[in-house]
Protein backbone atom coordinates (compact mmCIF):
# COMPACT_ATOMS: atom_id res chain seq x y z
CA UNK A 1 19.08 -17.54 -5.16
CA UNK A 2 17.52 -21.01 -5.33
CA UNK A 3 14.76 -21.04 -2.73
CA UNK A 4 12.66 -18.27 -1.13
CA UNK A 5 10.49 -18.44 1.96
CA UNK A 6 7.33 -16.34 1.53
CA UNK A 7 6.62 -14.82 4.95
CA UNK A 8 3.02 -13.85 4.27
CA UNK A 9 -0.42 -15.10 3.30
CA UNK A 10 -3.35 -14.29 1.01
CA UNK A 11 -3.11 -12.78 -2.43
CA UNK A 12 0.36 -11.26 -1.93
CA UNK A 13 1.79 -14.69 -1.02
CA UNK A 14 0.22 -16.10 -4.20
CA UNK A 15 1.69 -13.19 -6.18
CA UNK A 16 5.23 -13.78 -4.83
CA UNK A 17 5.07 -17.55 -5.40
CA UNK A 18 4.04 -17.01 -9.02
CA UNK A 19 6.96 -14.60 -9.51
CA UNK A 20 9.31 -17.21 -8.02
CA UNK A 21 7.99 -19.87 -10.39
CA UNK A 22 8.56 -17.65 -13.42
CA UNK A 23 12.05 -16.76 -12.21
CA UNK A 24 12.98 -20.43 -11.77
CA UNK A 25 13.20 -20.10 -7.98
CA UNK A 26 11.65 -22.59 -5.54
CA UNK A 27 9.19 -21.27 -2.96
CA UNK A 28 8.37 -22.28 0.59
CA UNK A 29 5.04 -21.12 2.03
CA UNK A 30 4.21 -20.72 5.69
CA UNK A 31 0.65 -20.92 6.92
CA UNK A 32 -1.50 -20.68 10.00
CA UNK A 33 -4.21 -23.11 11.03
CA UNK A 34 -6.87 -20.96 9.30
CA UNK A 35 -4.92 -20.96 6.03
CA UNK A 36 -4.21 -24.69 5.67
CA UNK A 37 -6.21 -24.88 2.41
CA UNK A 38 -5.23 -21.48 1.06
CA UNK A 39 -4.15 -21.10 -2.56
CA UNK A 40 -0.64 -19.97 -1.59
CA UNK A 41 -0.16 -23.24 0.31
CA UNK A 42 -1.24 -25.27 -2.71
CA UNK A 43 0.95 -23.34 -5.19
CA UNK A 44 4.24 -23.35 -3.26
CA UNK A 45 6.85 -26.08 -3.75
CA UNK A 46 6.66 -26.74 -0.03
CA UNK A 47 4.48 -25.45 2.82
CA UNK A 48 5.06 -25.44 6.58
CA UNK A 49 2.48 -24.81 9.29
CA UNK A 50 3.77 -22.20 11.75
CA UNK A 51 1.03 -21.83 14.33
CA UNK A 52 -2.57 -21.02 15.25
CA UNK A 53 -4.79 -18.59 13.36
CA UNK A 54 -3.96 -15.47 15.37
CA UNK A 55 -1.23 -13.46 13.59
CA UNK A 56 0.69 -12.93 16.84
CA UNK A 57 1.05 -16.70 17.09
CA UNK A 58 1.91 -17.34 13.43
CA UNK A 59 2.70 -14.72 10.78
CA UNK A 60 4.21 -12.29 13.31
CA UNK A 61 6.54 -14.90 14.84
CA UNK A 62 9.83 -13.73 13.34
CA UNK A 63 11.88 -16.36 15.17
CA UNK A 64 9.69 -19.21 13.94
CA UNK A 65 9.77 -17.96 10.34
CA UNK A 66 13.57 -17.69 10.34
CA UNK A 67 13.83 -21.20 11.80
CA UNK A 68 11.58 -22.57 9.04
CA UNK A 69 13.61 -20.76 6.37
CA UNK A 70 16.83 -22.33 7.67
CA UNK A 71 15.30 -25.77 8.13
CA UNK A 72 13.98 -25.82 4.54
CA UNK A 73 17.25 -24.62 2.97
CA UNK A 74 16.04 -21.21 1.86
CA UNK A 75 18.46 -18.56 0.64
CA UNK A 76 16.08 -15.64 1.10
CA UNK A 77 12.87 -14.40 2.70
CA UNK A 78 10.25 -12.26 0.96
CA UNK A 79 8.02 -10.47 3.51
CA UNK A 80 5.35 -9.15 1.10
CA UNK A 81 3.46 -6.29 2.75
CA UNK A 82 1.99 -5.99 6.22
CA UNK A 83 2.99 -8.34 9.05
CA UNK A 84 6.83 -8.25 9.20
CA UNK A 85 7.48 -6.41 5.92
CA UNK A 86 8.70 -3.18 7.54
CA UNK A 87 10.12 -4.75 10.69
CA UNK A 88 13.81 -3.84 10.94
CA UNK A 89 14.40 -6.42 13.68
CA UNK A 90 13.10 -9.18 11.38
CA UNK A 91 15.29 -7.95 8.51
CA UNK A 92 18.28 -7.92 10.87
CA UNK A 93 17.46 -11.41 12.15
CA UNK A 94 17.41 -12.71 8.57
CA UNK A 95 20.82 -11.17 7.84
CA UNK A 96 22.32 -12.54 11.06
CA UNK A 97 21.25 -16.03 9.99
CA UNK A 98 22.67 -15.74 6.47
CA UNK A 99 19.30 -15.15 4.79
CA UNK A 100 18.73 -12.48 2.16
CA UNK A 101 15.89 -10.19 3.20
CA UNK A 102 14.12 -9.16 -0.01
CA UNK A 103 13.82 -5.50 0.81
CA UNK A 104 15.99 -2.63 2.04
CA UNK A 105 18.55 -2.90 4.83
CA UNK A 106 17.38 -2.87 8.47
CA UNK A 107 19.05 0.54 8.88
CA UNK A 108 16.97 2.03 6.06
CA UNK A 109 13.77 0.40 7.38
CA UNK A 110 14.49 1.91 10.81
CA UNK A 111 15.17 5.34 9.35
CA UNK A 112 12.18 5.54 7.03
CA UNK A 113 9.86 3.93 9.57
CA UNK A 114 10.31 7.20 11.47
CA UNK A 115 8.27 9.83 9.63
CA UNK A 116 10.15 12.61 11.41
CA UNK A 117 13.40 11.27 9.95
CA UNK A 118 11.76 11.05 6.53
CA UNK A 119 10.80 14.72 6.70
CA UNK A 120 14.39 15.57 7.66
CA UNK A 121 15.86 13.69 4.67
CA UNK A 122 13.31 15.24 2.30
CA UNK A 123 14.11 18.73 3.57
CA UNK A 124 17.85 18.11 3.15
CA UNK A 125 17.24 16.98 -0.42
CA UNK A 126 15.23 20.12 -1.19
CA UNK A 127 11.91 18.27 -1.45
CA UNK A 128 8.87 20.18 -0.16
CA UNK A 129 7.13 18.89 2.97
CA UNK A 130 3.84 19.98 4.54
CA UNK A 131 4.48 22.86 6.99
CA UNK A 132 4.75 21.27 10.41
CA UNK A 133 6.66 20.88 13.65
CA UNK A 134 9.96 20.27 11.87
CA UNK A 135 12.28 17.28 11.95
CA UNK A 136 12.07 16.43 15.65
CA UNK A 137 9.62 15.01 18.16
CA UNK A 138 6.86 17.54 18.81
CA UNK A 139 6.15 18.98 22.23
CA UNK A 140 2.86 20.42 23.40
CA UNK A 141 4.31 23.90 22.84
CA UNK A 142 5.32 22.98 19.27
CA UNK A 143 1.74 22.01 18.41
CA UNK A 144 0.32 25.21 19.85
CA UNK A 145 2.90 27.28 17.96
CA UNK A 146 2.11 25.48 14.69
CA UNK A 147 -1.59 26.18 15.14
CA UNK A 148 -0.92 29.85 15.80
CA UNK A 149 1.48 30.37 12.89
CA UNK A 150 0.17 28.03 10.18
CA UNK A 151 -3.43 28.14 11.33
CA UNK A 152 -5.80 25.47 12.59
CA UNK A 153 -6.73 22.74 11.90
CA UNK A 154 -3.51 20.77 12.35
CA UNK A 155 -2.97 17.04 11.96
CA UNK A 156 -1.18 14.96 14.62
CA UNK A 157 0.66 11.85 13.42
CA UNK A 158 2.59 9.08 15.16
CA UNK A 159 6.20 9.21 13.92
CA UNK A 160 6.33 5.41 13.80
CA UNK A 161 2.75 5.01 12.57
CA UNK A 162 1.08 4.05 9.33
CA UNK A 163 -2.23 3.26 7.70
CA UNK A 164 -3.95 6.22 9.31
CA UNK A 165 -3.58 4.87 12.85
CA UNK A 166 -2.74 7.45 15.47
CA UNK A 167 -3.85 10.40 13.34
CA UNK A 168 -5.99 13.18 14.84
CA UNK A 169 -7.29 16.45 13.44
CA UNK A 170 -7.16 19.27 15.98
CA UNK A 171 -9.13 22.46 15.42
CA UNK A 172 -8.05 24.66 18.33
CA UNK A 173 -5.57 25.13 21.17
CA UNK A 174 -8.15 23.62 23.51
CA UNK A 175 -8.16 20.43 21.42
CA UNK A 176 -4.35 20.34 21.51
CA UNK A 177 -4.53 20.51 25.30
CA UNK A 178 -7.07 17.68 25.55
CA UNK A 179 -5.48 15.39 22.93
CA UNK A 180 -1.71 15.71 23.24
CA UNK A 181 -1.02 13.17 26.00
CA UNK A 182 -3.70 10.79 24.69
CA UNK A 183 -2.05 10.85 21.27
CA UNK A 184 1.33 10.02 22.83
CA UNK A 185 -0.15 7.10 24.76
CA UNK A 186 -1.97 5.81 21.66
CA UNK A 187 1.24 5.98 19.62
CA UNK A 188 3.21 4.15 22.32
CA UNK A 189 0.61 1.40 22.60
CA UNK A 190 0.27 0.90 18.83
CA UNK A 191 3.84 1.42 17.62
CA UNK A 192 6.14 1.23 20.64
CA UNK A 193 7.07 4.91 20.42
CA UNK A 194 5.36 7.96 21.88
CA UNK A 195 7.01 10.33 19.40
CA UNK A 196 4.45 12.39 17.52
CA UNK A 197 4.65 15.30 15.13
CA UNK A 198 2.13 17.58 13.49
CA UNK A 199 1.47 19.16 10.12
CA UNK A 200 -0.88 21.80 8.89
CA UNK A 201 -4.07 20.00 7.87
CA UNK A 202 -4.73 20.52 4.17
CA UNK A 203 -8.46 20.27 3.56
CA UNK A 204 -8.63 19.17 -0.09
CA UNK A 205 -5.72 17.06 -1.24
CA UNK A 206 -4.84 14.34 -3.68
CA UNK A 207 -2.79 11.41 -2.43
CA UNK A 208 -0.20 10.73 -5.13
CA UNK A 209 2.59 8.18 -4.84
CA UNK A 210 5.55 7.10 -6.94
CA UNK A 211 6.70 3.51 -7.45
CA UNK A 212 10.49 3.32 -7.17
CA UNK A 213 13.13 0.62 -7.47
CA UNK A 214 16.78 0.70 -6.46
CA UNK A 215 19.72 -1.69 -6.74
CA UNK A 216 23.02 -2.25 -4.91
CA UNK A 217 24.87 -0.23 -7.53
CA UNK A 218 23.06 2.96 -6.58
CA UNK A 219 20.75 3.03 -9.60
CA UNK A 220 17.21 4.25 -8.89
CA UNK A 221 14.29 4.33 -11.31
CA UNK A 222 10.63 5.25 -10.96
CA UNK A 223 7.71 3.50 -12.64
CA UNK A 224 5.34 6.45 -12.71
CA UNK A 225 2.70 7.79 -10.36
CA UNK A 226 -0.44 6.38 -8.77
CA UNK A 227 -3.42 8.36 -7.48
CA UNK A 228 -4.77 6.89 -4.23
CA UNK A 229 -7.18 9.69 -3.30
CA UNK A 230 -10.29 7.49 -3.00
CA UNK A 231 -9.95 6.61 0.68
CA UNK A 232 -12.18 5.84 3.61
CA UNK A 233 -10.77 6.64 7.05
CA UNK A 234 -7.27 6.91 5.59
CA UNK A 235 -7.56 3.44 4.02
CA UNK A 236 -7.27 3.24 0.24
CA UNK A 237 -10.31 1.94 -1.65
CA UNK A 238 -9.41 2.57 -5.32
CA UNK A 239 -6.02 3.32 -6.86
CA UNK A 240 -5.26 4.57 -10.35
CA UNK A 241 -2.19 5.04 -12.49
CA UNK A 242 -0.83 7.24 -13.79
CA UNK A 243 -2.13 10.14 -11.68
CA UNK A 244 -3.83 11.97 -14.54
CA UNK A 245 -5.64 14.11 -11.96
CA UNK A 246 -2.62 16.41 -11.98
CA UNK A 247 -0.81 18.00 -14.95
CA UNK A 248 1.94 16.03 -16.66
CA UNK A 249 4.58 18.60 -15.70
CA UNK A 250 3.60 18.29 -12.02
CA UNK A 251 3.77 14.51 -12.26
CA UNK A 252 7.31 14.71 -13.62
CA UNK A 253 8.36 16.98 -10.74
CA UNK A 254 6.91 14.52 -8.21
CA UNK A 255 8.66 11.59 -9.92
CA UNK A 256 11.96 13.48 -9.90
CA UNK A 257 11.59 14.29 -6.19
CA UNK A 258 10.86 10.64 -5.41
CA UNK A 259 14.03 9.49 -7.20
CA UNK A 260 16.03 12.23 -5.47
CA UNK A 261 14.84 11.10 -2.02
CA UNK A 262 15.52 7.40 -2.67
CA UNK A 263 18.97 8.15 -4.10
CA UNK A 264 19.77 10.15 -0.96
CA UNK A 265 19.42 7.07 1.27
CA UNK A 266 20.86 4.30 -0.92
CA UNK A 267 17.62 2.37 -1.18
CA UNK A 268 17.57 -1.21 -2.53
CA UNK A 269 14.43 -2.98 -3.74
CA UNK A 270 10.88 -1.81 -4.38
CA UNK A 271 9.36 1.06 -2.43
CA UNK A 272 6.81 3.83 -2.64
CA UNK A 273 7.31 7.52 -2.01
CA UNK A 274 4.07 9.22 -0.99
CA UNK A 275 3.03 12.83 -1.54
CA UNK A 276 -0.02 14.97 -1.07
CA UNK A 277 -1.04 17.52 -3.69
CA UNK A 278 -2.93 20.61 -2.53
CA UNK A 279 -5.88 20.94 -4.93
CA UNK A 280 -6.10 24.68 -4.26
CA UNK A 281 -2.49 25.53 -5.09
CA UNK A 282 -1.29 22.52 -7.10
CA UNK A 283 1.76 22.26 -4.82
CA UNK A 284 3.01 18.82 -3.80
CA UNK A 285 4.50 17.82 -0.43
CA UNK A 286 6.37 14.67 0.65
CA UNK A 287 4.69 12.77 3.51
CA UNK A 288 6.41 9.37 3.86
CA UNK A 289 8.09 6.41 2.18
CA UNK A 290 6.93 2.80 2.44
CA UNK A 291 9.82 0.34 2.38
CA UNK A 292 8.00 -2.58 0.77
CA UNK A 293 5.93 -3.65 -2.19
CA UNK A 294 2.47 -2.01 -2.00
CA UNK A 295 -1.01 -3.49 -2.25
CA UNK A 296 -1.50 -1.36 -5.37
CA UNK A 297 1.72 -2.35 -7.17
CA UNK A 298 -0.27 -4.09 -9.98
CA UNK A 299 -1.40 -0.65 -11.17
CA UNK A 300 2.21 0.22 -12.00
CA UNK A 301 2.77 -3.22 -13.53
CA UNK A 302 -0.24 -2.85 -15.83
CA UNK A 303 0.81 0.54 -17.20
CA UNK A 304 4.53 -0.26 -17.48
CA UNK A 305 4.63 -3.95 -18.41
CA UNK A 306 7.32 -4.69 -15.79
CA UNK A 307 7.03 -7.43 -13.16
CA UNK A 308 7.95 -5.55 -9.98
CA UNK A 309 8.05 -8.61 -7.72
CA UNK A 310 10.36 -10.47 -10.07
CA UNK A 311 12.53 -7.34 -10.11
CA UNK A 312 12.62 -7.48 -6.29
CA UNK A 313 13.90 -11.05 -6.47
CA UNK A 314 16.53 -10.06 -9.04
CA UNK A 315 18.04 -7.03 -7.28
CA UNK A 316 18.14 -8.78 -3.90
CA UNK A 317 21.40 -10.30 -5.18
CA UNK A 318 24.14 -7.66 -4.67
CA UNK A 319 25.70 -8.73 -7.99
CA UNK A 320 22.56 -7.94 -9.96
CA UNK A 321 21.47 -4.57 -11.31
CA UNK A 322 17.99 -3.47 -12.32
CA UNK A 323 16.96 -5.18 -15.54
CA UNK A 324 15.75 -1.93 -17.12
CA UNK A 325 16.74 1.73 -17.21
CA UNK A 326 14.67 4.84 -16.66
CA UNK A 327 14.73 5.46 -20.41
CA UNK A 328 13.07 2.08 -20.97
CA UNK A 329 10.11 2.94 -18.75
CA UNK A 330 7.21 3.82 -21.03
CA UNK A 331 3.75 4.12 -19.50
CA UNK A 332 0.80 3.02 -21.60
CA UNK A 333 -2.89 3.68 -20.99
CA UNK A 334 -4.57 3.82 -17.58
CA UNK A 335 -5.07 1.23 -14.86
CA UNK A 336 -7.50 1.09 -11.93
CA UNK A 337 -7.29 -1.23 -8.92
CA UNK A 338 -10.40 -2.04 -6.89
CA UNK A 339 -10.03 -3.62 -3.44
CA UNK A 340 -12.80 -6.18 -3.00
CA UNK A 341 -13.37 -6.71 0.70
CA UNK A 342 -15.46 -9.07 2.82
CA UNK A 343 -17.35 -6.30 4.60
CA UNK A 344 -20.87 -4.95 4.88
CA UNK A 345 -21.02 -1.28 3.83
CA UNK A 346 -24.64 -0.96 5.04
CA UNK A 347 -23.56 -2.01 8.52
CA UNK A 348 -20.76 0.46 9.02
CA UNK A 349 -18.40 -1.59 6.85
CA UNK A 350 -18.29 -4.32 9.49
CA UNK A 351 -16.11 -7.32 8.50
CA UNK A 352 -18.08 -10.21 6.99
CA UNK A 353 -16.18 -13.45 7.61
CA UNK A 354 -17.75 -16.72 6.53
CA UNK A 355 -17.95 -19.33 3.79
CA UNK A 356 -17.75 -18.23 0.15
CA UNK A 357 -20.47 -20.31 -1.48
CA UNK A 358 -20.11 -18.82 -4.95
CA UNK A 359 -17.14 -17.18 -6.63
CA UNK A 360 -17.40 -15.99 -10.23
CA UNK A 361 -14.51 -13.74 -11.24
CA UNK A 362 -14.36 -11.55 -14.34
CA UNK A 363 -12.15 -11.98 -17.37
CA UNK A 364 -11.45 -10.59 -20.80
CA UNK A 365 -8.90 -8.14 -22.19
CA UNK A 366 -7.13 -5.87 -19.73
CA UNK A 367 -8.46 -7.56 -16.58
CA UNK A 368 -6.34 -9.08 -13.81
CA UNK A 369 -7.61 -10.62 -10.57
CA UNK A 370 -5.24 -11.23 -7.66
CA UNK A 371 -6.84 -13.44 -5.01
CA UNK A 372 -6.19 -16.40 -2.77
CA UNK A 373 -9.86 -17.35 -2.56
CA UNK A 374 -11.70 -20.25 -4.21
CA UNK A 375 -15.33 -21.43 -3.97
CA UNK A 376 -15.74 -22.98 -0.55
CA UNK A 377 -13.03 -20.77 0.98
CA UNK A 378 -13.76 -19.65 4.54
CA UNK A 379 -12.92 -16.00 5.09
CA UNK A 380 -11.25 -15.78 8.50
CA UNK A 381 -12.02 -13.09 11.07
CA UNK A 382 -8.32 -12.98 12.03
CA UNK A 383 -6.99 -11.16 8.97
CA UNK A 384 -7.57 -8.13 6.77
CA UNK A 385 -10.93 -8.16 5.03
CA UNK A 386 -9.53 -7.78 1.48
CA UNK A 387 -10.24 -10.97 -0.46
CA UNK A 388 -9.34 -9.90 -4.00
CA UNK A 389 -7.86 -7.12 -6.09
CA UNK A 390 -9.48 -6.38 -9.42
CA UNK A 391 -7.07 -4.55 -11.70
CA UNK A 392 -8.23 -3.08 -15.00
CA UNK A 393 -6.20 -1.61 -17.85
CA UNK A 394 -7.37 0.22 -20.96
CA UNK A 395 -6.29 2.90 -23.38
CA UNK A 396 -7.43 5.83 -21.23
CA UNK A 397 -9.27 6.58 -17.99
CA UNK A 398 -12.86 6.66 -19.34
CA UNK A 399 -12.30 3.32 -21.09
CA UNK A 400 -10.78 1.84 -17.92
CA UNK A 401 -13.81 2.96 -15.88
CA UNK A 402 -16.19 1.36 -18.39
CA UNK A 403 -14.19 -1.86 -18.30
CA UNK A 404 -14.08 -1.80 -14.48
CA UNK A 405 -17.86 -1.49 -14.25
CA UNK A 406 -18.30 -4.36 -16.69
CA UNK A 407 -15.88 -6.47 -14.64
CA UNK A 408 -17.76 -5.74 -11.39
CA UNK A 409 -21.05 -6.63 -13.09
CA UNK A 410 -19.51 -9.99 -13.97
CA UNK A 411 -18.28 -10.66 -10.43
CA UNK A 412 -20.44 -12.76 -8.12
CA UNK A 413 -19.44 -13.65 -4.57
CA UNK A 414 -21.97 -15.56 -2.48
CA UNK A 415 -22.25 -16.45 1.20
CA UNK A 416 -20.69 -13.24 2.57
CA UNK A 417 -21.20 -9.50 2.23
CA UNK A 418 -18.80 -7.56 0.00
CA UNK A 419 -18.23 -3.93 -1.01
CA UNK A 420 -18.81 -4.57 -4.73
CA UNK A 421 -21.93 -2.37 -4.94
CA UNK A 422 -20.10 0.39 -3.06
CA UNK A 423 -17.27 0.24 -5.62
CA UNK A 424 -19.81 0.46 -8.44
CA UNK A 425 -21.33 3.54 -6.84
CA UNK A 426 -17.93 5.24 -6.68
CA UNK A 427 -17.03 4.39 -10.28
CA UNK A 428 -20.43 5.63 -11.49
CA UNK A 429 -20.44 8.90 -9.54
CA UNK A 430 -20.11 12.06 -11.68
CA UNK A 431 -17.34 13.40 -9.42
CA UNK A 432 -15.24 10.28 -9.90
CA UNK A 433 -15.92 10.23 -13.61
CA UNK A 434 -14.83 13.89 -13.80
CA UNK A 435 -11.72 13.04 -11.71
CA UNK A 436 -12.55 15.70 -9.13
CA UNK A 437 -12.33 13.67 -5.91
CA UNK A 438 -10.01 14.14 -2.91
CA UNK A 439 -9.02 12.14 0.17
CA UNK A 440 -12.12 13.16 2.17
CA UNK A 441 -14.56 12.81 -0.73
CA UNK A 442 -15.77 9.30 0.16
CA UNK A 443 -16.60 10.31 3.73
CA UNK A 444 -18.40 13.45 2.54
CA UNK A 445 -20.52 11.42 0.09
CA UNK A 446 -20.78 8.14 1.98
CA UNK A 447 -24.58 8.12 2.40
CA UNK A 448 -25.01 8.80 -1.30
CA UNK A 449 -22.48 6.12 -2.23
CA UNK A 450 -24.33 3.52 -0.18
CA UNK A 451 -27.32 3.89 -2.51
CA UNK A 452 -27.55 1.73 -5.67
CA UNK A 453 -25.40 3.37 -8.35
CA UNK A 454 -26.77 5.52 -11.12
CA UNK A 455 -24.59 4.99 -14.17
CA UNK A 456 -23.06 8.02 -15.84
CA UNK A 457 -22.74 7.58 -19.60
CA UNK A 458 -19.10 7.36 -20.59
CA UNK A 459 -18.55 7.88 -24.31
CA UNK A 460 -15.69 6.03 -25.99
CA UNK A 461 -12.67 8.22 -26.70
């Protein structure tokens, strides 16, 4: 592999280009009109404009991206996350044009993009799933039967969905009746499929995921767990690793189940297997697998010392095997990732596009900042509001929290609204400090978290 086209933007494009540089591989960036001065454009060996600012006219144009890759002599395409990263048709188009798609095969993307199929594979492998409507498309009668047998509330999901879109909590048979067809229409409009399924809604859960890597020789390794329970409307806000919220023995069982699932399907590249852990019983259940690098992959990199993106580049070659074994994975300390977003928490978390007039980022031991922004950068209204990821590592969780608060105190971003104070409030809250949060905790405490934080004293270990 000599040259890679990076089919993305923002901090993940910067991250991939840096990995290419360290691996001795040339990079080609693509950019929209809004991103002409972006850091990923400046860092790449070559950059090509692919269209207007709207994603549908630029970053989602699979045909244009493949044409650019061929015209610039690329051997491979790295999709990052979002946009075309889990698009089987794009992966197939790359293969048909002789380009290596840095990710799993289109067949695997198709299979795991269907959450019903994922449940079926997990069940076949003996991995627990949340009680639900089984491994097929759910009918109205299936939802009613689930509510009667497992008990309400139940949770409807789009089989082809993700990121919390298309999810509805139903509390009674009457709500099933009034929501079923609407949910099908919403799923069809958003994901091109009206297939839905349902699970029993677990009220207090942890969201725990496992970073996995596979190669063409059938080897699969995991790089530990991450706890992504701090969420707002199903969107992750803070991620931690390892998931010290659950006992070590439980973590090992989850890691083993993740490897078992990935081995079952012959997965190649980096991926994430996601579980929920019932806080009342301690039981874990598989929910889905994401066939791409994740926003929160730096958490696993900080605690393991491995460069996961460089590993993606390496194993994309069928002749190459993973550069490390499971026995060589040794997790050290704790890491926390904070998503800094251009949004206004006091105004319903409305996006806050505009000109960044001041940008002071933190530094010091154990601190990593992934961003594409510079002073004078104009945050566009066309893309996701995340403008930086602040990743902190220290010897244990209390030390990492202290370091994270210090790093946020150092951070200054002017000209736009950000969620920095909201992140400080979460990190300072006694529940977070005690590691007793769950996926609905932010919404239950949102008014309190919008107030200026009151620091909880964290004694050094």
